[in-house]
Amino acid sequence: LIDADKLGHAVYVPGGPAYERVVATFGAEILNEDG
């Protein structure tokens, strides 16, 4: 079993494959205090 919803959450975590590009595109204001 592969849960693509879980993969979707995993791409957003710090160090995840989409994290840096999402933050660069949408700005640091989308971050919580813990990053």
PDB file of all heavy atoms in Angstrom:
ATOM      1  N   LEU A   1       0.819  -1.212   0.000  1.00  0.00           N
ATOM      2  CA  LEU A   1       0.000   0.000   0.000  1.00  0.00           C
ATOM      3  C   LEU A   1       0.853   1.261   0.000  1.00  0.00           C
ATOM      4  O   LEU A   1       1.833   1.364   0.737  1.00  0.00           O
ATOM      5  CB  LEU A   1      -0.927   0.016   1.216  1.00  0.00           C
ATOM      6  CG  LEU A   1      -1.890  -1.165   1.335  1.00  0.00           C
ATOM      7  CD1 LEU A   1      -2.725  -1.043   2.600  1.00  0.00           C
ATOM      8  CD2 LEU A   1      -2.781  -1.260   0.110  1.00  0.00           C
ATOM      9  N   ILE A   2       0.449   2.211  -0.822  1.00  0.00           N
ATOM     10  CA  ILE A   2       1.069   3.532  -0.873  1.00  0.00           C
ATOM     11  C   ILE A   2      -0.032   4.547  -0.625  1.00  0.00           C
ATOM     12  O   ILE A   2      -1.030   4.575  -1.343  1.00  0.00           O
ATOM     13  CB  ILE A   2       1.717   3.801  -2.244  1.00  0.00           C
ATOM     14  CG1 ILE A   2       2.821   2.783  -2.519  1.00  0.00           C
ATOM     15  CG2 ILE A   2       2.256   5.226  -2.311  1.00  0.00           C
ATOM     16  CD1 ILE A   2       3.362   2.850  -3.931  1.00  0.00           C
ATOM     17  N   ASP A   3       0.135   5.387   0.389  1.00  0.00           N
ATOM     18  CA  ASP A   3      -0.843   6.425   0.701  1.00  0.00           C
ATOM     19  C   ASP A   3      -0.307   7.748   0.168  1.00  0.00           C
ATOM     20  O   ASP A   3       0.576   8.358   0.764  1.00  0.00           O
ATOM     21  CB  ASP A   3      -1.077   6.490   2.214  1.00  0.00           C
ATOM     22  CG  ASP A   3      -2.180   7.447   2.604  1.00  0.00           C
ATOM     23  OD1 ASP A   3      -2.461   8.398   1.835  1.00  0.00           O
ATOM     24  OD2 ASP A   3      -2.762   7.271   3.688  1.00  0.00           O
ATOM     25  N   ALA A   4      -0.830   8.183  -0.973  1.00  0.00           N
ATOM     26  CA  ALA A   4      -0.339   9.410  -1.597  1.00  0.00           C
ATOM     27  C   ALA A   4      -0.648  10.633  -0.744  1.00  0.00           C
ATOM     28  O   ALA A   4       0.066  11.639  -0.828  1.00  0.00           O
ATOM     29  CB  ALA A   4      -0.926   9.564  -3.004  1.00  0.00           C
ATOM     30  N   ASP A   5      -1.693  10.568   0.092  1.00  0.00           N
ATOM     31  CA  ASP A   5      -1.971  11.689   0.998  1.00  0.00           C
ATOM     32  C   ASP A   5      -0.811  11.860   1.982  1.00  0.00           C
ATOM     33  O   ASP A   5      -0.386  12.981   2.260  1.00  0.00           O
ATOM     34  CB  ASP A   5      -3.282  11.470   1.754  1.00  0.00           C
ATOM     35  CG  ASP A   5      -4.504  11.495   0.842  1.00  0.00           C
ATOM     36  OD1 ASP A   5      -4.437  12.154  -0.221  1.00  0.00           O
ATOM     37  OD2 ASP A   5      -5.513  10.873   1.184  1.00  0.00           O
ATOM     38  N   LYS A   6      -0.274  10.747   2.476  1.00  0.00           N
ATOM     39  CA  LYS A   6       0.879  10.830   3.382  1.00  0.00           C
ATOM     40  C   LYS A   6       2.104  11.349   2.651  1.00  0.00           C
ATOM     41  O   LYS A   6       2.881  12.129   3.199  1.00  0.00           O
ATOM     42  CB  LYS A   6       1.166   9.468   4.004  1.00  0.00           C
ATOM     43  CG  LYS A   6       0.155   9.063   5.047  1.00  0.00           C
ATOM     44  CD  LYS A   6       0.505   7.738   5.678  1.00  0.00           C
ATOM     45  CE  LYS A   6      -0.577   7.354   6.685  1.00  0.00           C
ATOM     46  NZ  LYS A   6      -0.362   6.009   7.209  1.00  0.00           N
ATOM     47  N   LEU A   7       2.279  10.936   1.409  1.00  0.00           N
ATOM     48  CA  LEU A   7       3.390  11.461   0.618  1.00  0.00           C
ATOM     49  C   LEU A   7       3.223  12.964   0.422  1.00  0.00           C
ATOM     50  O   LEU A   7       4.199  13.724   0.481  1.00  0.00           O
ATOM     51  CB  LEU A   7       3.474  10.764  -0.746  1.00  0.00           C
ATOM     52  CG  LEU A   7       3.757   9.264  -0.758  1.00  0.00           C
ATOM     53  CD1 LEU A   7       3.796   8.749  -2.191  1.00  0.00           C
ATOM     54  CD2 LEU A   7       5.037   8.940  -0.021  1.00  0.00           C
ATOM     55  N   GLY A   8       1.978  13.386   0.219  1.00  0.00           N
ATOM     56  CA  GLY A   8       1.693  14.807   0.059  1.00  0.00           C
ATOM     57  C   GLY A   8       2.092  15.613   1.277  1.00  0.00           C
ATOM     58  O   GLY A   8       2.605  16.727   1.161  1.00  0.00           O
ATOM     59  N   HIS A   9       1.881  15.053   2.450  1.00  0.00           N
ATOM     60  CA  HIS A   9       2.301  15.744   3.666  1.00  0.00           C
ATOM     61  C   HIS A   9       3.824  15.716   3.794  1.00  0.00           C
ATOM     62  O   HIS A   9       4.434  16.684   4.257  1.00  0.00           O
ATOM     63  CB  HIS A   9       1.638  15.116   4.898  1.00  0.00           C
ATOM     64  CG  HIS A   9       0.182  15.440   5.001  1.00  0.00           C
ATOM     65  ND1 HIS A   9      -0.276  16.625   5.520  1.00  0.00           N
ATOM     66  CD2 HIS A   9      -0.917  14.743   4.634  1.00  0.00           C
ATOM     67  CE1 HIS A   9      -1.598  16.647   5.471  1.00  0.00           C
ATOM     68  NE2 HIS A   9      -2.010  15.514   4.940  1.00  0.00           N
ATOM     69  N   ALA A  10       4.440  14.610   3.380  1.00  0.00           N
ATOM     70  CA  ALA A  10       5.887  14.456   3.529  1.00  0.00           C
ATOM     71  C   ALA A  10       6.672  15.452   2.673  1.00  0.00           C
ATOM     72  O   ALA A  10       7.768  15.859   3.057  1.00  0.00           O
ATOM     73  CB  ALA A  10       6.303  13.026   3.184  1.00  0.00           C
ATOM     74  N   VAL A  11       6.118  15.861   1.528  1.00  0.00           N
ATOM     75  CA  VAL A  11       6.871  16.787   0.677  1.00  0.00           C
ATOM     76  C   VAL A  11       7.000  18.167   1.303  1.00  0.00           C
ATOM     77  O   VAL A  11       7.893  18.929   0.944  1.00  0.00           O
ATOM     78  CB  VAL A  11       6.289  16.909  -0.758  1.00  0.00           C
ATOM     79  CG1 VAL A  11       6.309  15.589  -1.479  1.00  0.00           C
ATOM     80  CG2 VAL A  11       4.926  17.535  -0.766  1.00  0.00           C
ATOM     81  N   TYR A  12       6.115  18.492   2.270  1.00  0.00           N
ATOM     82  CA  TYR A  12       6.107  19.817   2.885  1.00  0.00           C
ATOM     83  C   TYR A  12       6.991  19.931   4.129  1.00  0.00           C
ATOM     84  O   TYR A  12       7.246  21.030   4.587  1.00  0.00           O
ATOM     85  CB  TYR A  12       4.680  20.186   3.327  1.00  0.00           C
ATOM     86  CG  TYR A  12       3.749  20.518   2.197  1.00  0.00           C
ATOM     87  CD1 TYR A  12       2.839  19.585   1.716  1.00  0.00           C
ATOM     88  CD2 TYR A  12       3.742  21.789   1.625  1.00  0.00           C
ATOM     89  CE1 TYR A  12       1.963  19.894   0.699  1.00  0.00           C
ATOM     90  CE2 TYR A  12       2.872  22.104   0.603  1.00  0.00           C
ATOM     91  CZ  TYR A  12       1.978  21.158   0.148  1.00  0.00           C
ATOM     92  OH  TYR A  12       1.126  21.479  -0.859  1.00  0.00           O
ATOM     93  N   VAL A  13       7.430  18.818   4.696  1.00  0.00           N
ATOM     94  CA  VAL A  13       8.192  18.891   5.947  1.00  0.00           C
ATOM     95  C   VAL A  13       9.554  19.521   5.687  1.00  0.00           C
ATOM     96  O   VAL A  13      10.087  19.413   4.577  1.00  0.00           O
ATOM     97  CB  VAL A  13       8.363  17.504   6.621  1.00  0.00           C
ATOM     98  CG1 VAL A  13       7.018  16.892   6.977  1.00  0.00           C
ATOM     99  CG2 VAL A  13       9.177  16.565   5.764  1.00  0.00           C
ATOM    100  N   PRO A  14      10.125  20.198   6.707  1.00  0.00           N
ATOM    101  CA  PRO A  14      11.464  20.766   6.515  1.00  0.00           C
ATOM    102  C   PRO A  14      12.430  19.675   6.050  1.00  0.00           C
ATOM    103  O   PRO A  14      12.471  18.584   6.604  1.00  0.00           O
ATOM    104  CB  PRO A  14      11.825  21.276   7.919  1.00  0.00           C
ATOM    105  CG  PRO A  14      10.494  21.596   8.539  1.00  0.00           C
ATOM    106  CD  PRO A  14       9.564  20.517   8.017  1.00  0.00           C
ATOM    107  N   GLY A  15      13.152  19.971   4.995  1.00  0.00           N
ATOM    108  CA  GLY A  15      14.048  18.993   4.401  1.00  0.00           C
ATOM    109  C   GLY A  15      13.366  18.128   3.364  1.00  0.00           C
ATOM    110  O   GLY A  15      14.018  17.371   2.651  1.00  0.00           O
ATOM    111  N   GLY A  16      12.036  18.208   3.271  1.00  0.00           N
ATOM    112  CA  GLY A  16      11.284  17.446   2.273  1.00  0.00           C
ATOM    113  C   GLY A  16      11.553  17.998   0.882  1.00  0.00           C
ATOM    114  O   GLY A  16      12.032  19.128   0.713  1.00  0.00           O
ATOM    115  N   PRO A  17      11.227  17.223  -0.140  1.00  0.00           N
ATOM    116  CA  PRO A  17      11.612  17.603  -1.502  1.00  0.00           C
ATOM    117  C   PRO A  17      10.969  18.878  -2.049  1.00  0.00           C
ATOM    118  O   PRO A  17      11.500  19.479  -2.977  1.00  0.00           O
ATOM    119  CB  PRO A  17      11.224  16.385  -2.342  1.00  0.00           C
ATOM    120  CG  PRO A  17      10.259  15.625  -1.526  1.00  0.00           C
ATOM    121  CD  PRO A  17      10.566  15.927  -0.091  1.00  0.00           C
ATOM    122  N   ALA A  18       9.839  19.327  -1.490  1.00  0.00           N
ATOM    123  CA  ALA A  18       9.194  20.540  -2.006  1.00  0.00           C
ATOM    124  C   ALA A  18       9.314  21.718  -1.037  1.00  0.00           C
ATOM    125  O   ALA A  18       8.963  22.842  -1.396  1.00  0.00           O
ATOM    126  CB  ALA A  18       7.725  20.267  -2.308  1.00  0.00           C
ATOM    127  N   TYR A  19       9.818  21.474   0.145  1.00  0.00           N
ATOM    128  CA  TYR A  19       9.825  22.488   1.213  1.00  0.00           C
ATOM    129  C   TYR A  19      10.473  23.802   0.774  1.00  0.00           C
ATOM    130  O   TYR A  19       9.854  24.868   0.844  1.00  0.00           O
ATOM    131  CB  TYR A  19      10.531  21.918   2.445  1.00  0.00           C
ATOM    132  CG  TYR A  19      10.626  22.892   3.599  1.00  0.00           C
ATOM    133  CD1 TYR A  19       9.572  23.047   4.488  1.00  0.00           C
ATOM    134  CD2 TYR A  19      11.772  23.648   3.792  1.00  0.00           C
ATOM    135  CE1 TYR A  19       9.666  23.929   5.549  1.00  0.00           C
ATOM    136  CE2 TYR A  19      11.865  24.541   4.845  1.00  0.00           C
ATOM    137  CZ  TYR A  19      10.817  24.677   5.730  1.00  0.00           C
ATOM    138  OH  TYR A  19      10.901  25.559   6.775  1.00  0.00           O
ATOM    139  N   GLU A  20      11.710  23.742   0.328  1.00  0.00           N
ATOM    140  CA  GLU A  20      12.449  24.969  -0.009  1.00  0.00           C
ATOM    141  C   GLU A  20      11.762  25.750  -1.124  1.00  0.00           C
ATOM    142  O   GLU A  20      11.631  26.977  -1.040  1.00  0.00           O
ATOM    143  CB  GLU A  20      13.896  24.636  -0.417  1.00  0.00           C
ATOM    144  CG  GLU A  20      14.746  24.061   0.696  1.00  0.00           C
ATOM    145  CD  GLU A  20      15.011  25.047   1.834  1.00  0.00           C
ATOM    146  OE1 GLU A  20      14.975  26.276   1.592  1.00  0.00           O
ATOM    147  OE2 GLU A  20      15.231  24.571   2.961  1.00  0.00           O
ATOM    148  N   ARG A  21      11.312  25.051  -2.162  1.00  0.00           N
ATOM    149  CA  ARG A  21      10.659  25.743  -3.288  1.00  0.00           C
ATOM    150  C   ARG A  21       9.330  26.358  -2.878  1.00  0.00           C
ATOM    151  O   ARG A  21       8.988  27.459  -3.322  1.00  0.00           O
ATOM    152  CB  ARG A  21      10.460  24.786  -4.467  1.00  0.00           C
ATOM    153  CG  ARG A  21      11.759  24.522  -5.210  1.00  0.00           C
ATOM    154  CD  ARG A  21      11.557  23.723  -6.475  1.00  0.00           C
ATOM    155  NE  ARG A  21      10.669  24.381  -7.425  1.00  0.00           N
ATOM    156  CZ  ARG A  21       9.981  23.736  -8.362  1.00  0.00           C
ATOM    157  NH1 ARG A  21      10.102  22.423  -8.479  1.00  0.00           N
ATOM    158  NH2 ARG A  21       9.201  24.384  -9.186  1.00  0.00           N
ATOM    159  N   VAL A  22       8.578  25.667  -2.002  1.00  0.00           N
ATOM    160  CA  VAL A  22       7.289  26.212  -1.545  1.00  0.00           C
ATOM    161  C   VAL A  22       7.533  27.471  -0.726  1.00  0.00           C
ATOM    162  O   VAL A  22       6.873  28.505  -0.924  1.00  0.00           O
ATOM    163  CB  VAL A  22       6.493  25.159  -0.748  1.00  0.00           C
ATOM    164  CG1 VAL A  22       5.274  25.791  -0.070  1.00  0.00           C
ATOM    165  CG2 VAL A  22       6.044  24.020  -1.665  1.00  0.00           C
ATOM    166  N   VAL A  23       8.495  27.424   0.190  1.00  0.00           N
ATOM    167  CA  VAL A  23       8.801  28.601   1.007  1.00  0.00           C
ATOM    168  C   VAL A  23       9.320  29.738   0.135  1.00  0.00           C
ATOM    169  O   VAL A  23       8.913  30.894   0.293  1.00  0.00           O
ATOM    170  CB  VAL A  23       9.804  28.249   2.134  1.00  0.00           C
ATOM    171  CG1 VAL A  23      10.242  29.500   2.886  1.00  0.00           C
ATOM    172  CG2 VAL A  23       9.190  27.236   3.101  1.00  0.00           C
ATOM    173  N   ALA A  24      10.196  29.438  -0.821  1.00  0.00           N
ATOM    174  CA  ALA A  24      10.735  30.473  -1.709  1.00  0.00           C
ATOM    175  C   ALA A  24       9.627  31.103  -2.546  1.00  0.00           C
ATOM    176  O   ALA A  24       9.638  32.315  -2.805  1.00  0.00           O
ATOM    177  CB  ALA A  24      11.814  29.879  -2.611  1.00  0.00           C
ATOM    178  N   THR A  25       8.661  30.310  -2.958  1.00  0.00           N
ATOM    179  CA  THR A  25       7.589  30.811  -3.821  1.00  0.00           C
ATOM    180  C   THR A  25       6.538  31.594  -3.050  1.00  0.00           C
ATOM    181  O   THR A  25       6.044  32.617  -3.527  1.00  0.00           O
ATOM    182  CB  THR A  25       6.916  29.634  -4.574  1.00  0.00           C
ATOM    183  OG1 THR A  25       7.910  28.936  -5.318  1.00  0.00           O
ATOM    184  CG2 THR A  25       5.813  30.116  -5.504  1.00  0.00           C
ATOM    185  N   PHE A  26       6.195  31.125  -1.832  1.00  0.00           N
ATOM    186  CA  PHE A  26       5.069  31.727  -1.109  1.00  0.00           C
ATOM    187  C   PHE A  26       5.479  32.557   0.103  1.00  0.00           C
ATOM    188  O   PHE A  26       4.632  33.150   0.749  1.00  0.00           O
ATOM    189  CB  PHE A  26       4.066  30.631  -0.733  1.00  0.00           C
ATOM    190  CG  PHE A  26       3.452  29.998  -1.944  1.00  0.00           C
ATOM    191  CD1 PHE A  26       3.927  28.792  -2.423  1.00  0.00           C
ATOM    192  CD2 PHE A  26       2.442  30.632  -2.645  1.00  0.00           C
ATOM    193  CE1 PHE A  26       3.395  28.219  -3.574  1.00  0.00           C
ATOM    194  CE2 PHE A  26       1.900  30.076  -3.788  1.00  0.00           C
ATOM    195  CZ  PHE A  26       2.379  28.863  -4.255  1.00  0.00           C
ATOM    196  N   GLY A  27       6.758  32.602   0.406  1.00  0.00           N
ATOM    197  CA  GLY A  27       7.250  33.488   1.450  1.00  0.00           C
ATOM    198  C   GLY A  27       7.312  32.859   2.831  1.00  0.00           C
ATOM    199  O   GLY A  27       6.611  31.896   3.137  1.00  0.00           O
ATOM    200  N   ALA A  28       8.161  33.447   3.669  1.00  0.00           N
ATOM    201  CA  ALA A  28       8.382  32.936   5.022  1.00  0.00           C
ATOM    202  C   ALA A  28       7.149  33.092   5.905  1.00  0.00           C
ATOM    203  O   ALA A  28       7.057  32.438   6.957  1.00  0.00           O
ATOM    204  CB  ALA A  28       9.582  33.642   5.658  1.00  0.00           C
ATOM    205  N   GLU A  29       6.190  33.917   5.509  1.00  0.00           N
ATOM    206  CA  GLU A  29       4.980  34.088   6.331  1.00  0.00           C
ATOM    207  C   GLU A  29       4.109  32.823   6.376  1.00  0.00           C
ATOM    208  O   GLU A  29       3.190  32.733   7.182  1.00  0.00           O
ATOM    209  CB  GLU A  29       4.155  35.298   5.880  1.00  0.00           C
ATOM    210  CG  GLU A  29       3.561  35.197   4.491  1.00  0.00           C
ATOM    211  CD  GLU A  29       4.475  35.760   3.397  1.00  0.00           C
ATOM    212  OE1 GLU A  29       5.668  35.985   3.629  1.00  0.00           O
ATOM    213  OE2 GLU A  29       3.961  35.961   2.290  1.00  0.00           O
ATOM    214  N   ILE A  30       4.418  31.828   5.544  1.00  0.00           N
ATOM    215  CA  ILE A  30       3.662  30.571   5.600  1.00  0.00           C
ATOM    216  C   ILE A  30       4.234  29.614   6.641  1.00  0.00           C
ATOM    217  O   ILE A  30       3.689  28.540   6.855  1.00  0.00           O
ATOM    218  CB  ILE A  30       3.617  29.857   4.220  1.00  0.00           C
ATOM    219  CG1 ILE A  30       4.998  29.386   3.795  1.00  0.00           C
ATOM    220  CG2 ILE A  30       2.942  30.735   3.180  1.00  0.00           C
ATOM    221  CD1 ILE A  30       4.995  28.449   2.603  1.00  0.00           C
ATOM    222  N   LEU A  31       5.322  30.022   7.310  1.00  0.00           N
ATOM    223  CA  LEU A  31       5.987  29.136   8.265  1.00  0.00           C
ATOM    224  C   LEU A  31       5.469  29.339   9.684  1.00  0.00           C
ATOM    225  O   LEU A  31       5.191  30.465  10.106  1.00  0.00           O
ATOM    226  CB  LEU A  31       7.504  29.371   8.250  1.00  0.00           C
ATOM    227  CG  LEU A  31       8.218  29.053   6.938  1.00  0.00           C
ATOM    228  CD1 LEU A  31       9.694  29.416   7.050  1.00  0.00           C
ATOM    229  CD2 LEU A  31       8.044  27.589   6.568  1.00  0.00           C
ATOM    230  N   ASN A  32       5.375  28.226  10.403  1.00  0.00           N
ATOM    231  CA  ASN A  32       5.124  28.278  11.839  1.00  0.00           C
ATOM    232  C   ASN A  32       6.433  28.652  12.526  1.00  0.00           C
ATOM    233  O   ASN A  32       7.498  28.647  11.906  1.00  0.00           O
ATOM    234  CB  ASN A  32       4.651  26.899  12.343  1.00  0.00           C
ATOM    235  CG  ASN A  32       3.287  26.540  11.820  1.00  0.00           C
ATOM    236  OD1 ASN A  32       2.357  27.340  11.859  1.00  0.00           O
ATOM    237  ND2 ASN A  32       3.165  25.314  11.315  1.00  0.00           N
ATOM    238  N   GLU A  33       6.365  28.918  13.827  1.00  0.00           N
ATOM    239  CA  GLU A  33       7.575  29.281  14.573  1.00  0.00           C
ATOM    240  C   GLU A  33       8.636  28.190  14.527  1.00  0.00           C
ATOM    241  O   GLU A  33       9.825  28.470  14.554  1.00  0.00           O
ATOM    242  CB  GLU A  33       7.219  29.609  16.029  1.00  0.00           C
ATOM    243  CG  GLU A  33       6.521  30.949  16.178  1.00  0.00           C
ATOM    244  CD  GLU A  33       6.247  31.294  17.626  1.00  0.00           C
ATOM    245  OE1 GLU A  33       6.929  30.749  18.520  1.00  0.00           O
ATOM    246  OE2 GLU A  33       5.351  32.127  17.843  1.00  0.00           O
ATOM    247  N   ASP A  34       8.185  26.923  14.448  1.00  0.00           N
ATOM    248  CA  ASP A  34       9.150  25.816  14.433  1.00  0.00           C
ATOM    249  C   ASP A  34       9.716  25.527  13.042  1.00  0.00           C
ATOM    250  O   ASP A  34      10.466  24.582  12.851  1.00  0.00           O
ATOM    251  CB  ASP A  34       8.526  24.552  15.029  1.00  0.00           C
ATOM    252  CG  ASP A  34       7.346  24.026  14.210  1.00  0.00           C
ATOM    253  OD1 ASP A  34       6.980  24.645  13.178  1.00  0.00           O
ATOM    254  OD2 ASP A  34       6.783  22.988  14.602  1.00  0.00           O
ATOM    255  N   GLY A  35       9.354  26.340  12.051  1.00  0.00           N
ATOM    256  CA  GLY A  35       9.885  26.179  10.703  1.00  0.00           C
ATOM    257  C   GLY A  35       9.046  25.290   9.804  1.00  0.00           C
ATOM    258  O   GLY A  35       9.347  25.158   8.616  1.00  0.00           O
TER     259      GLY A  35
END
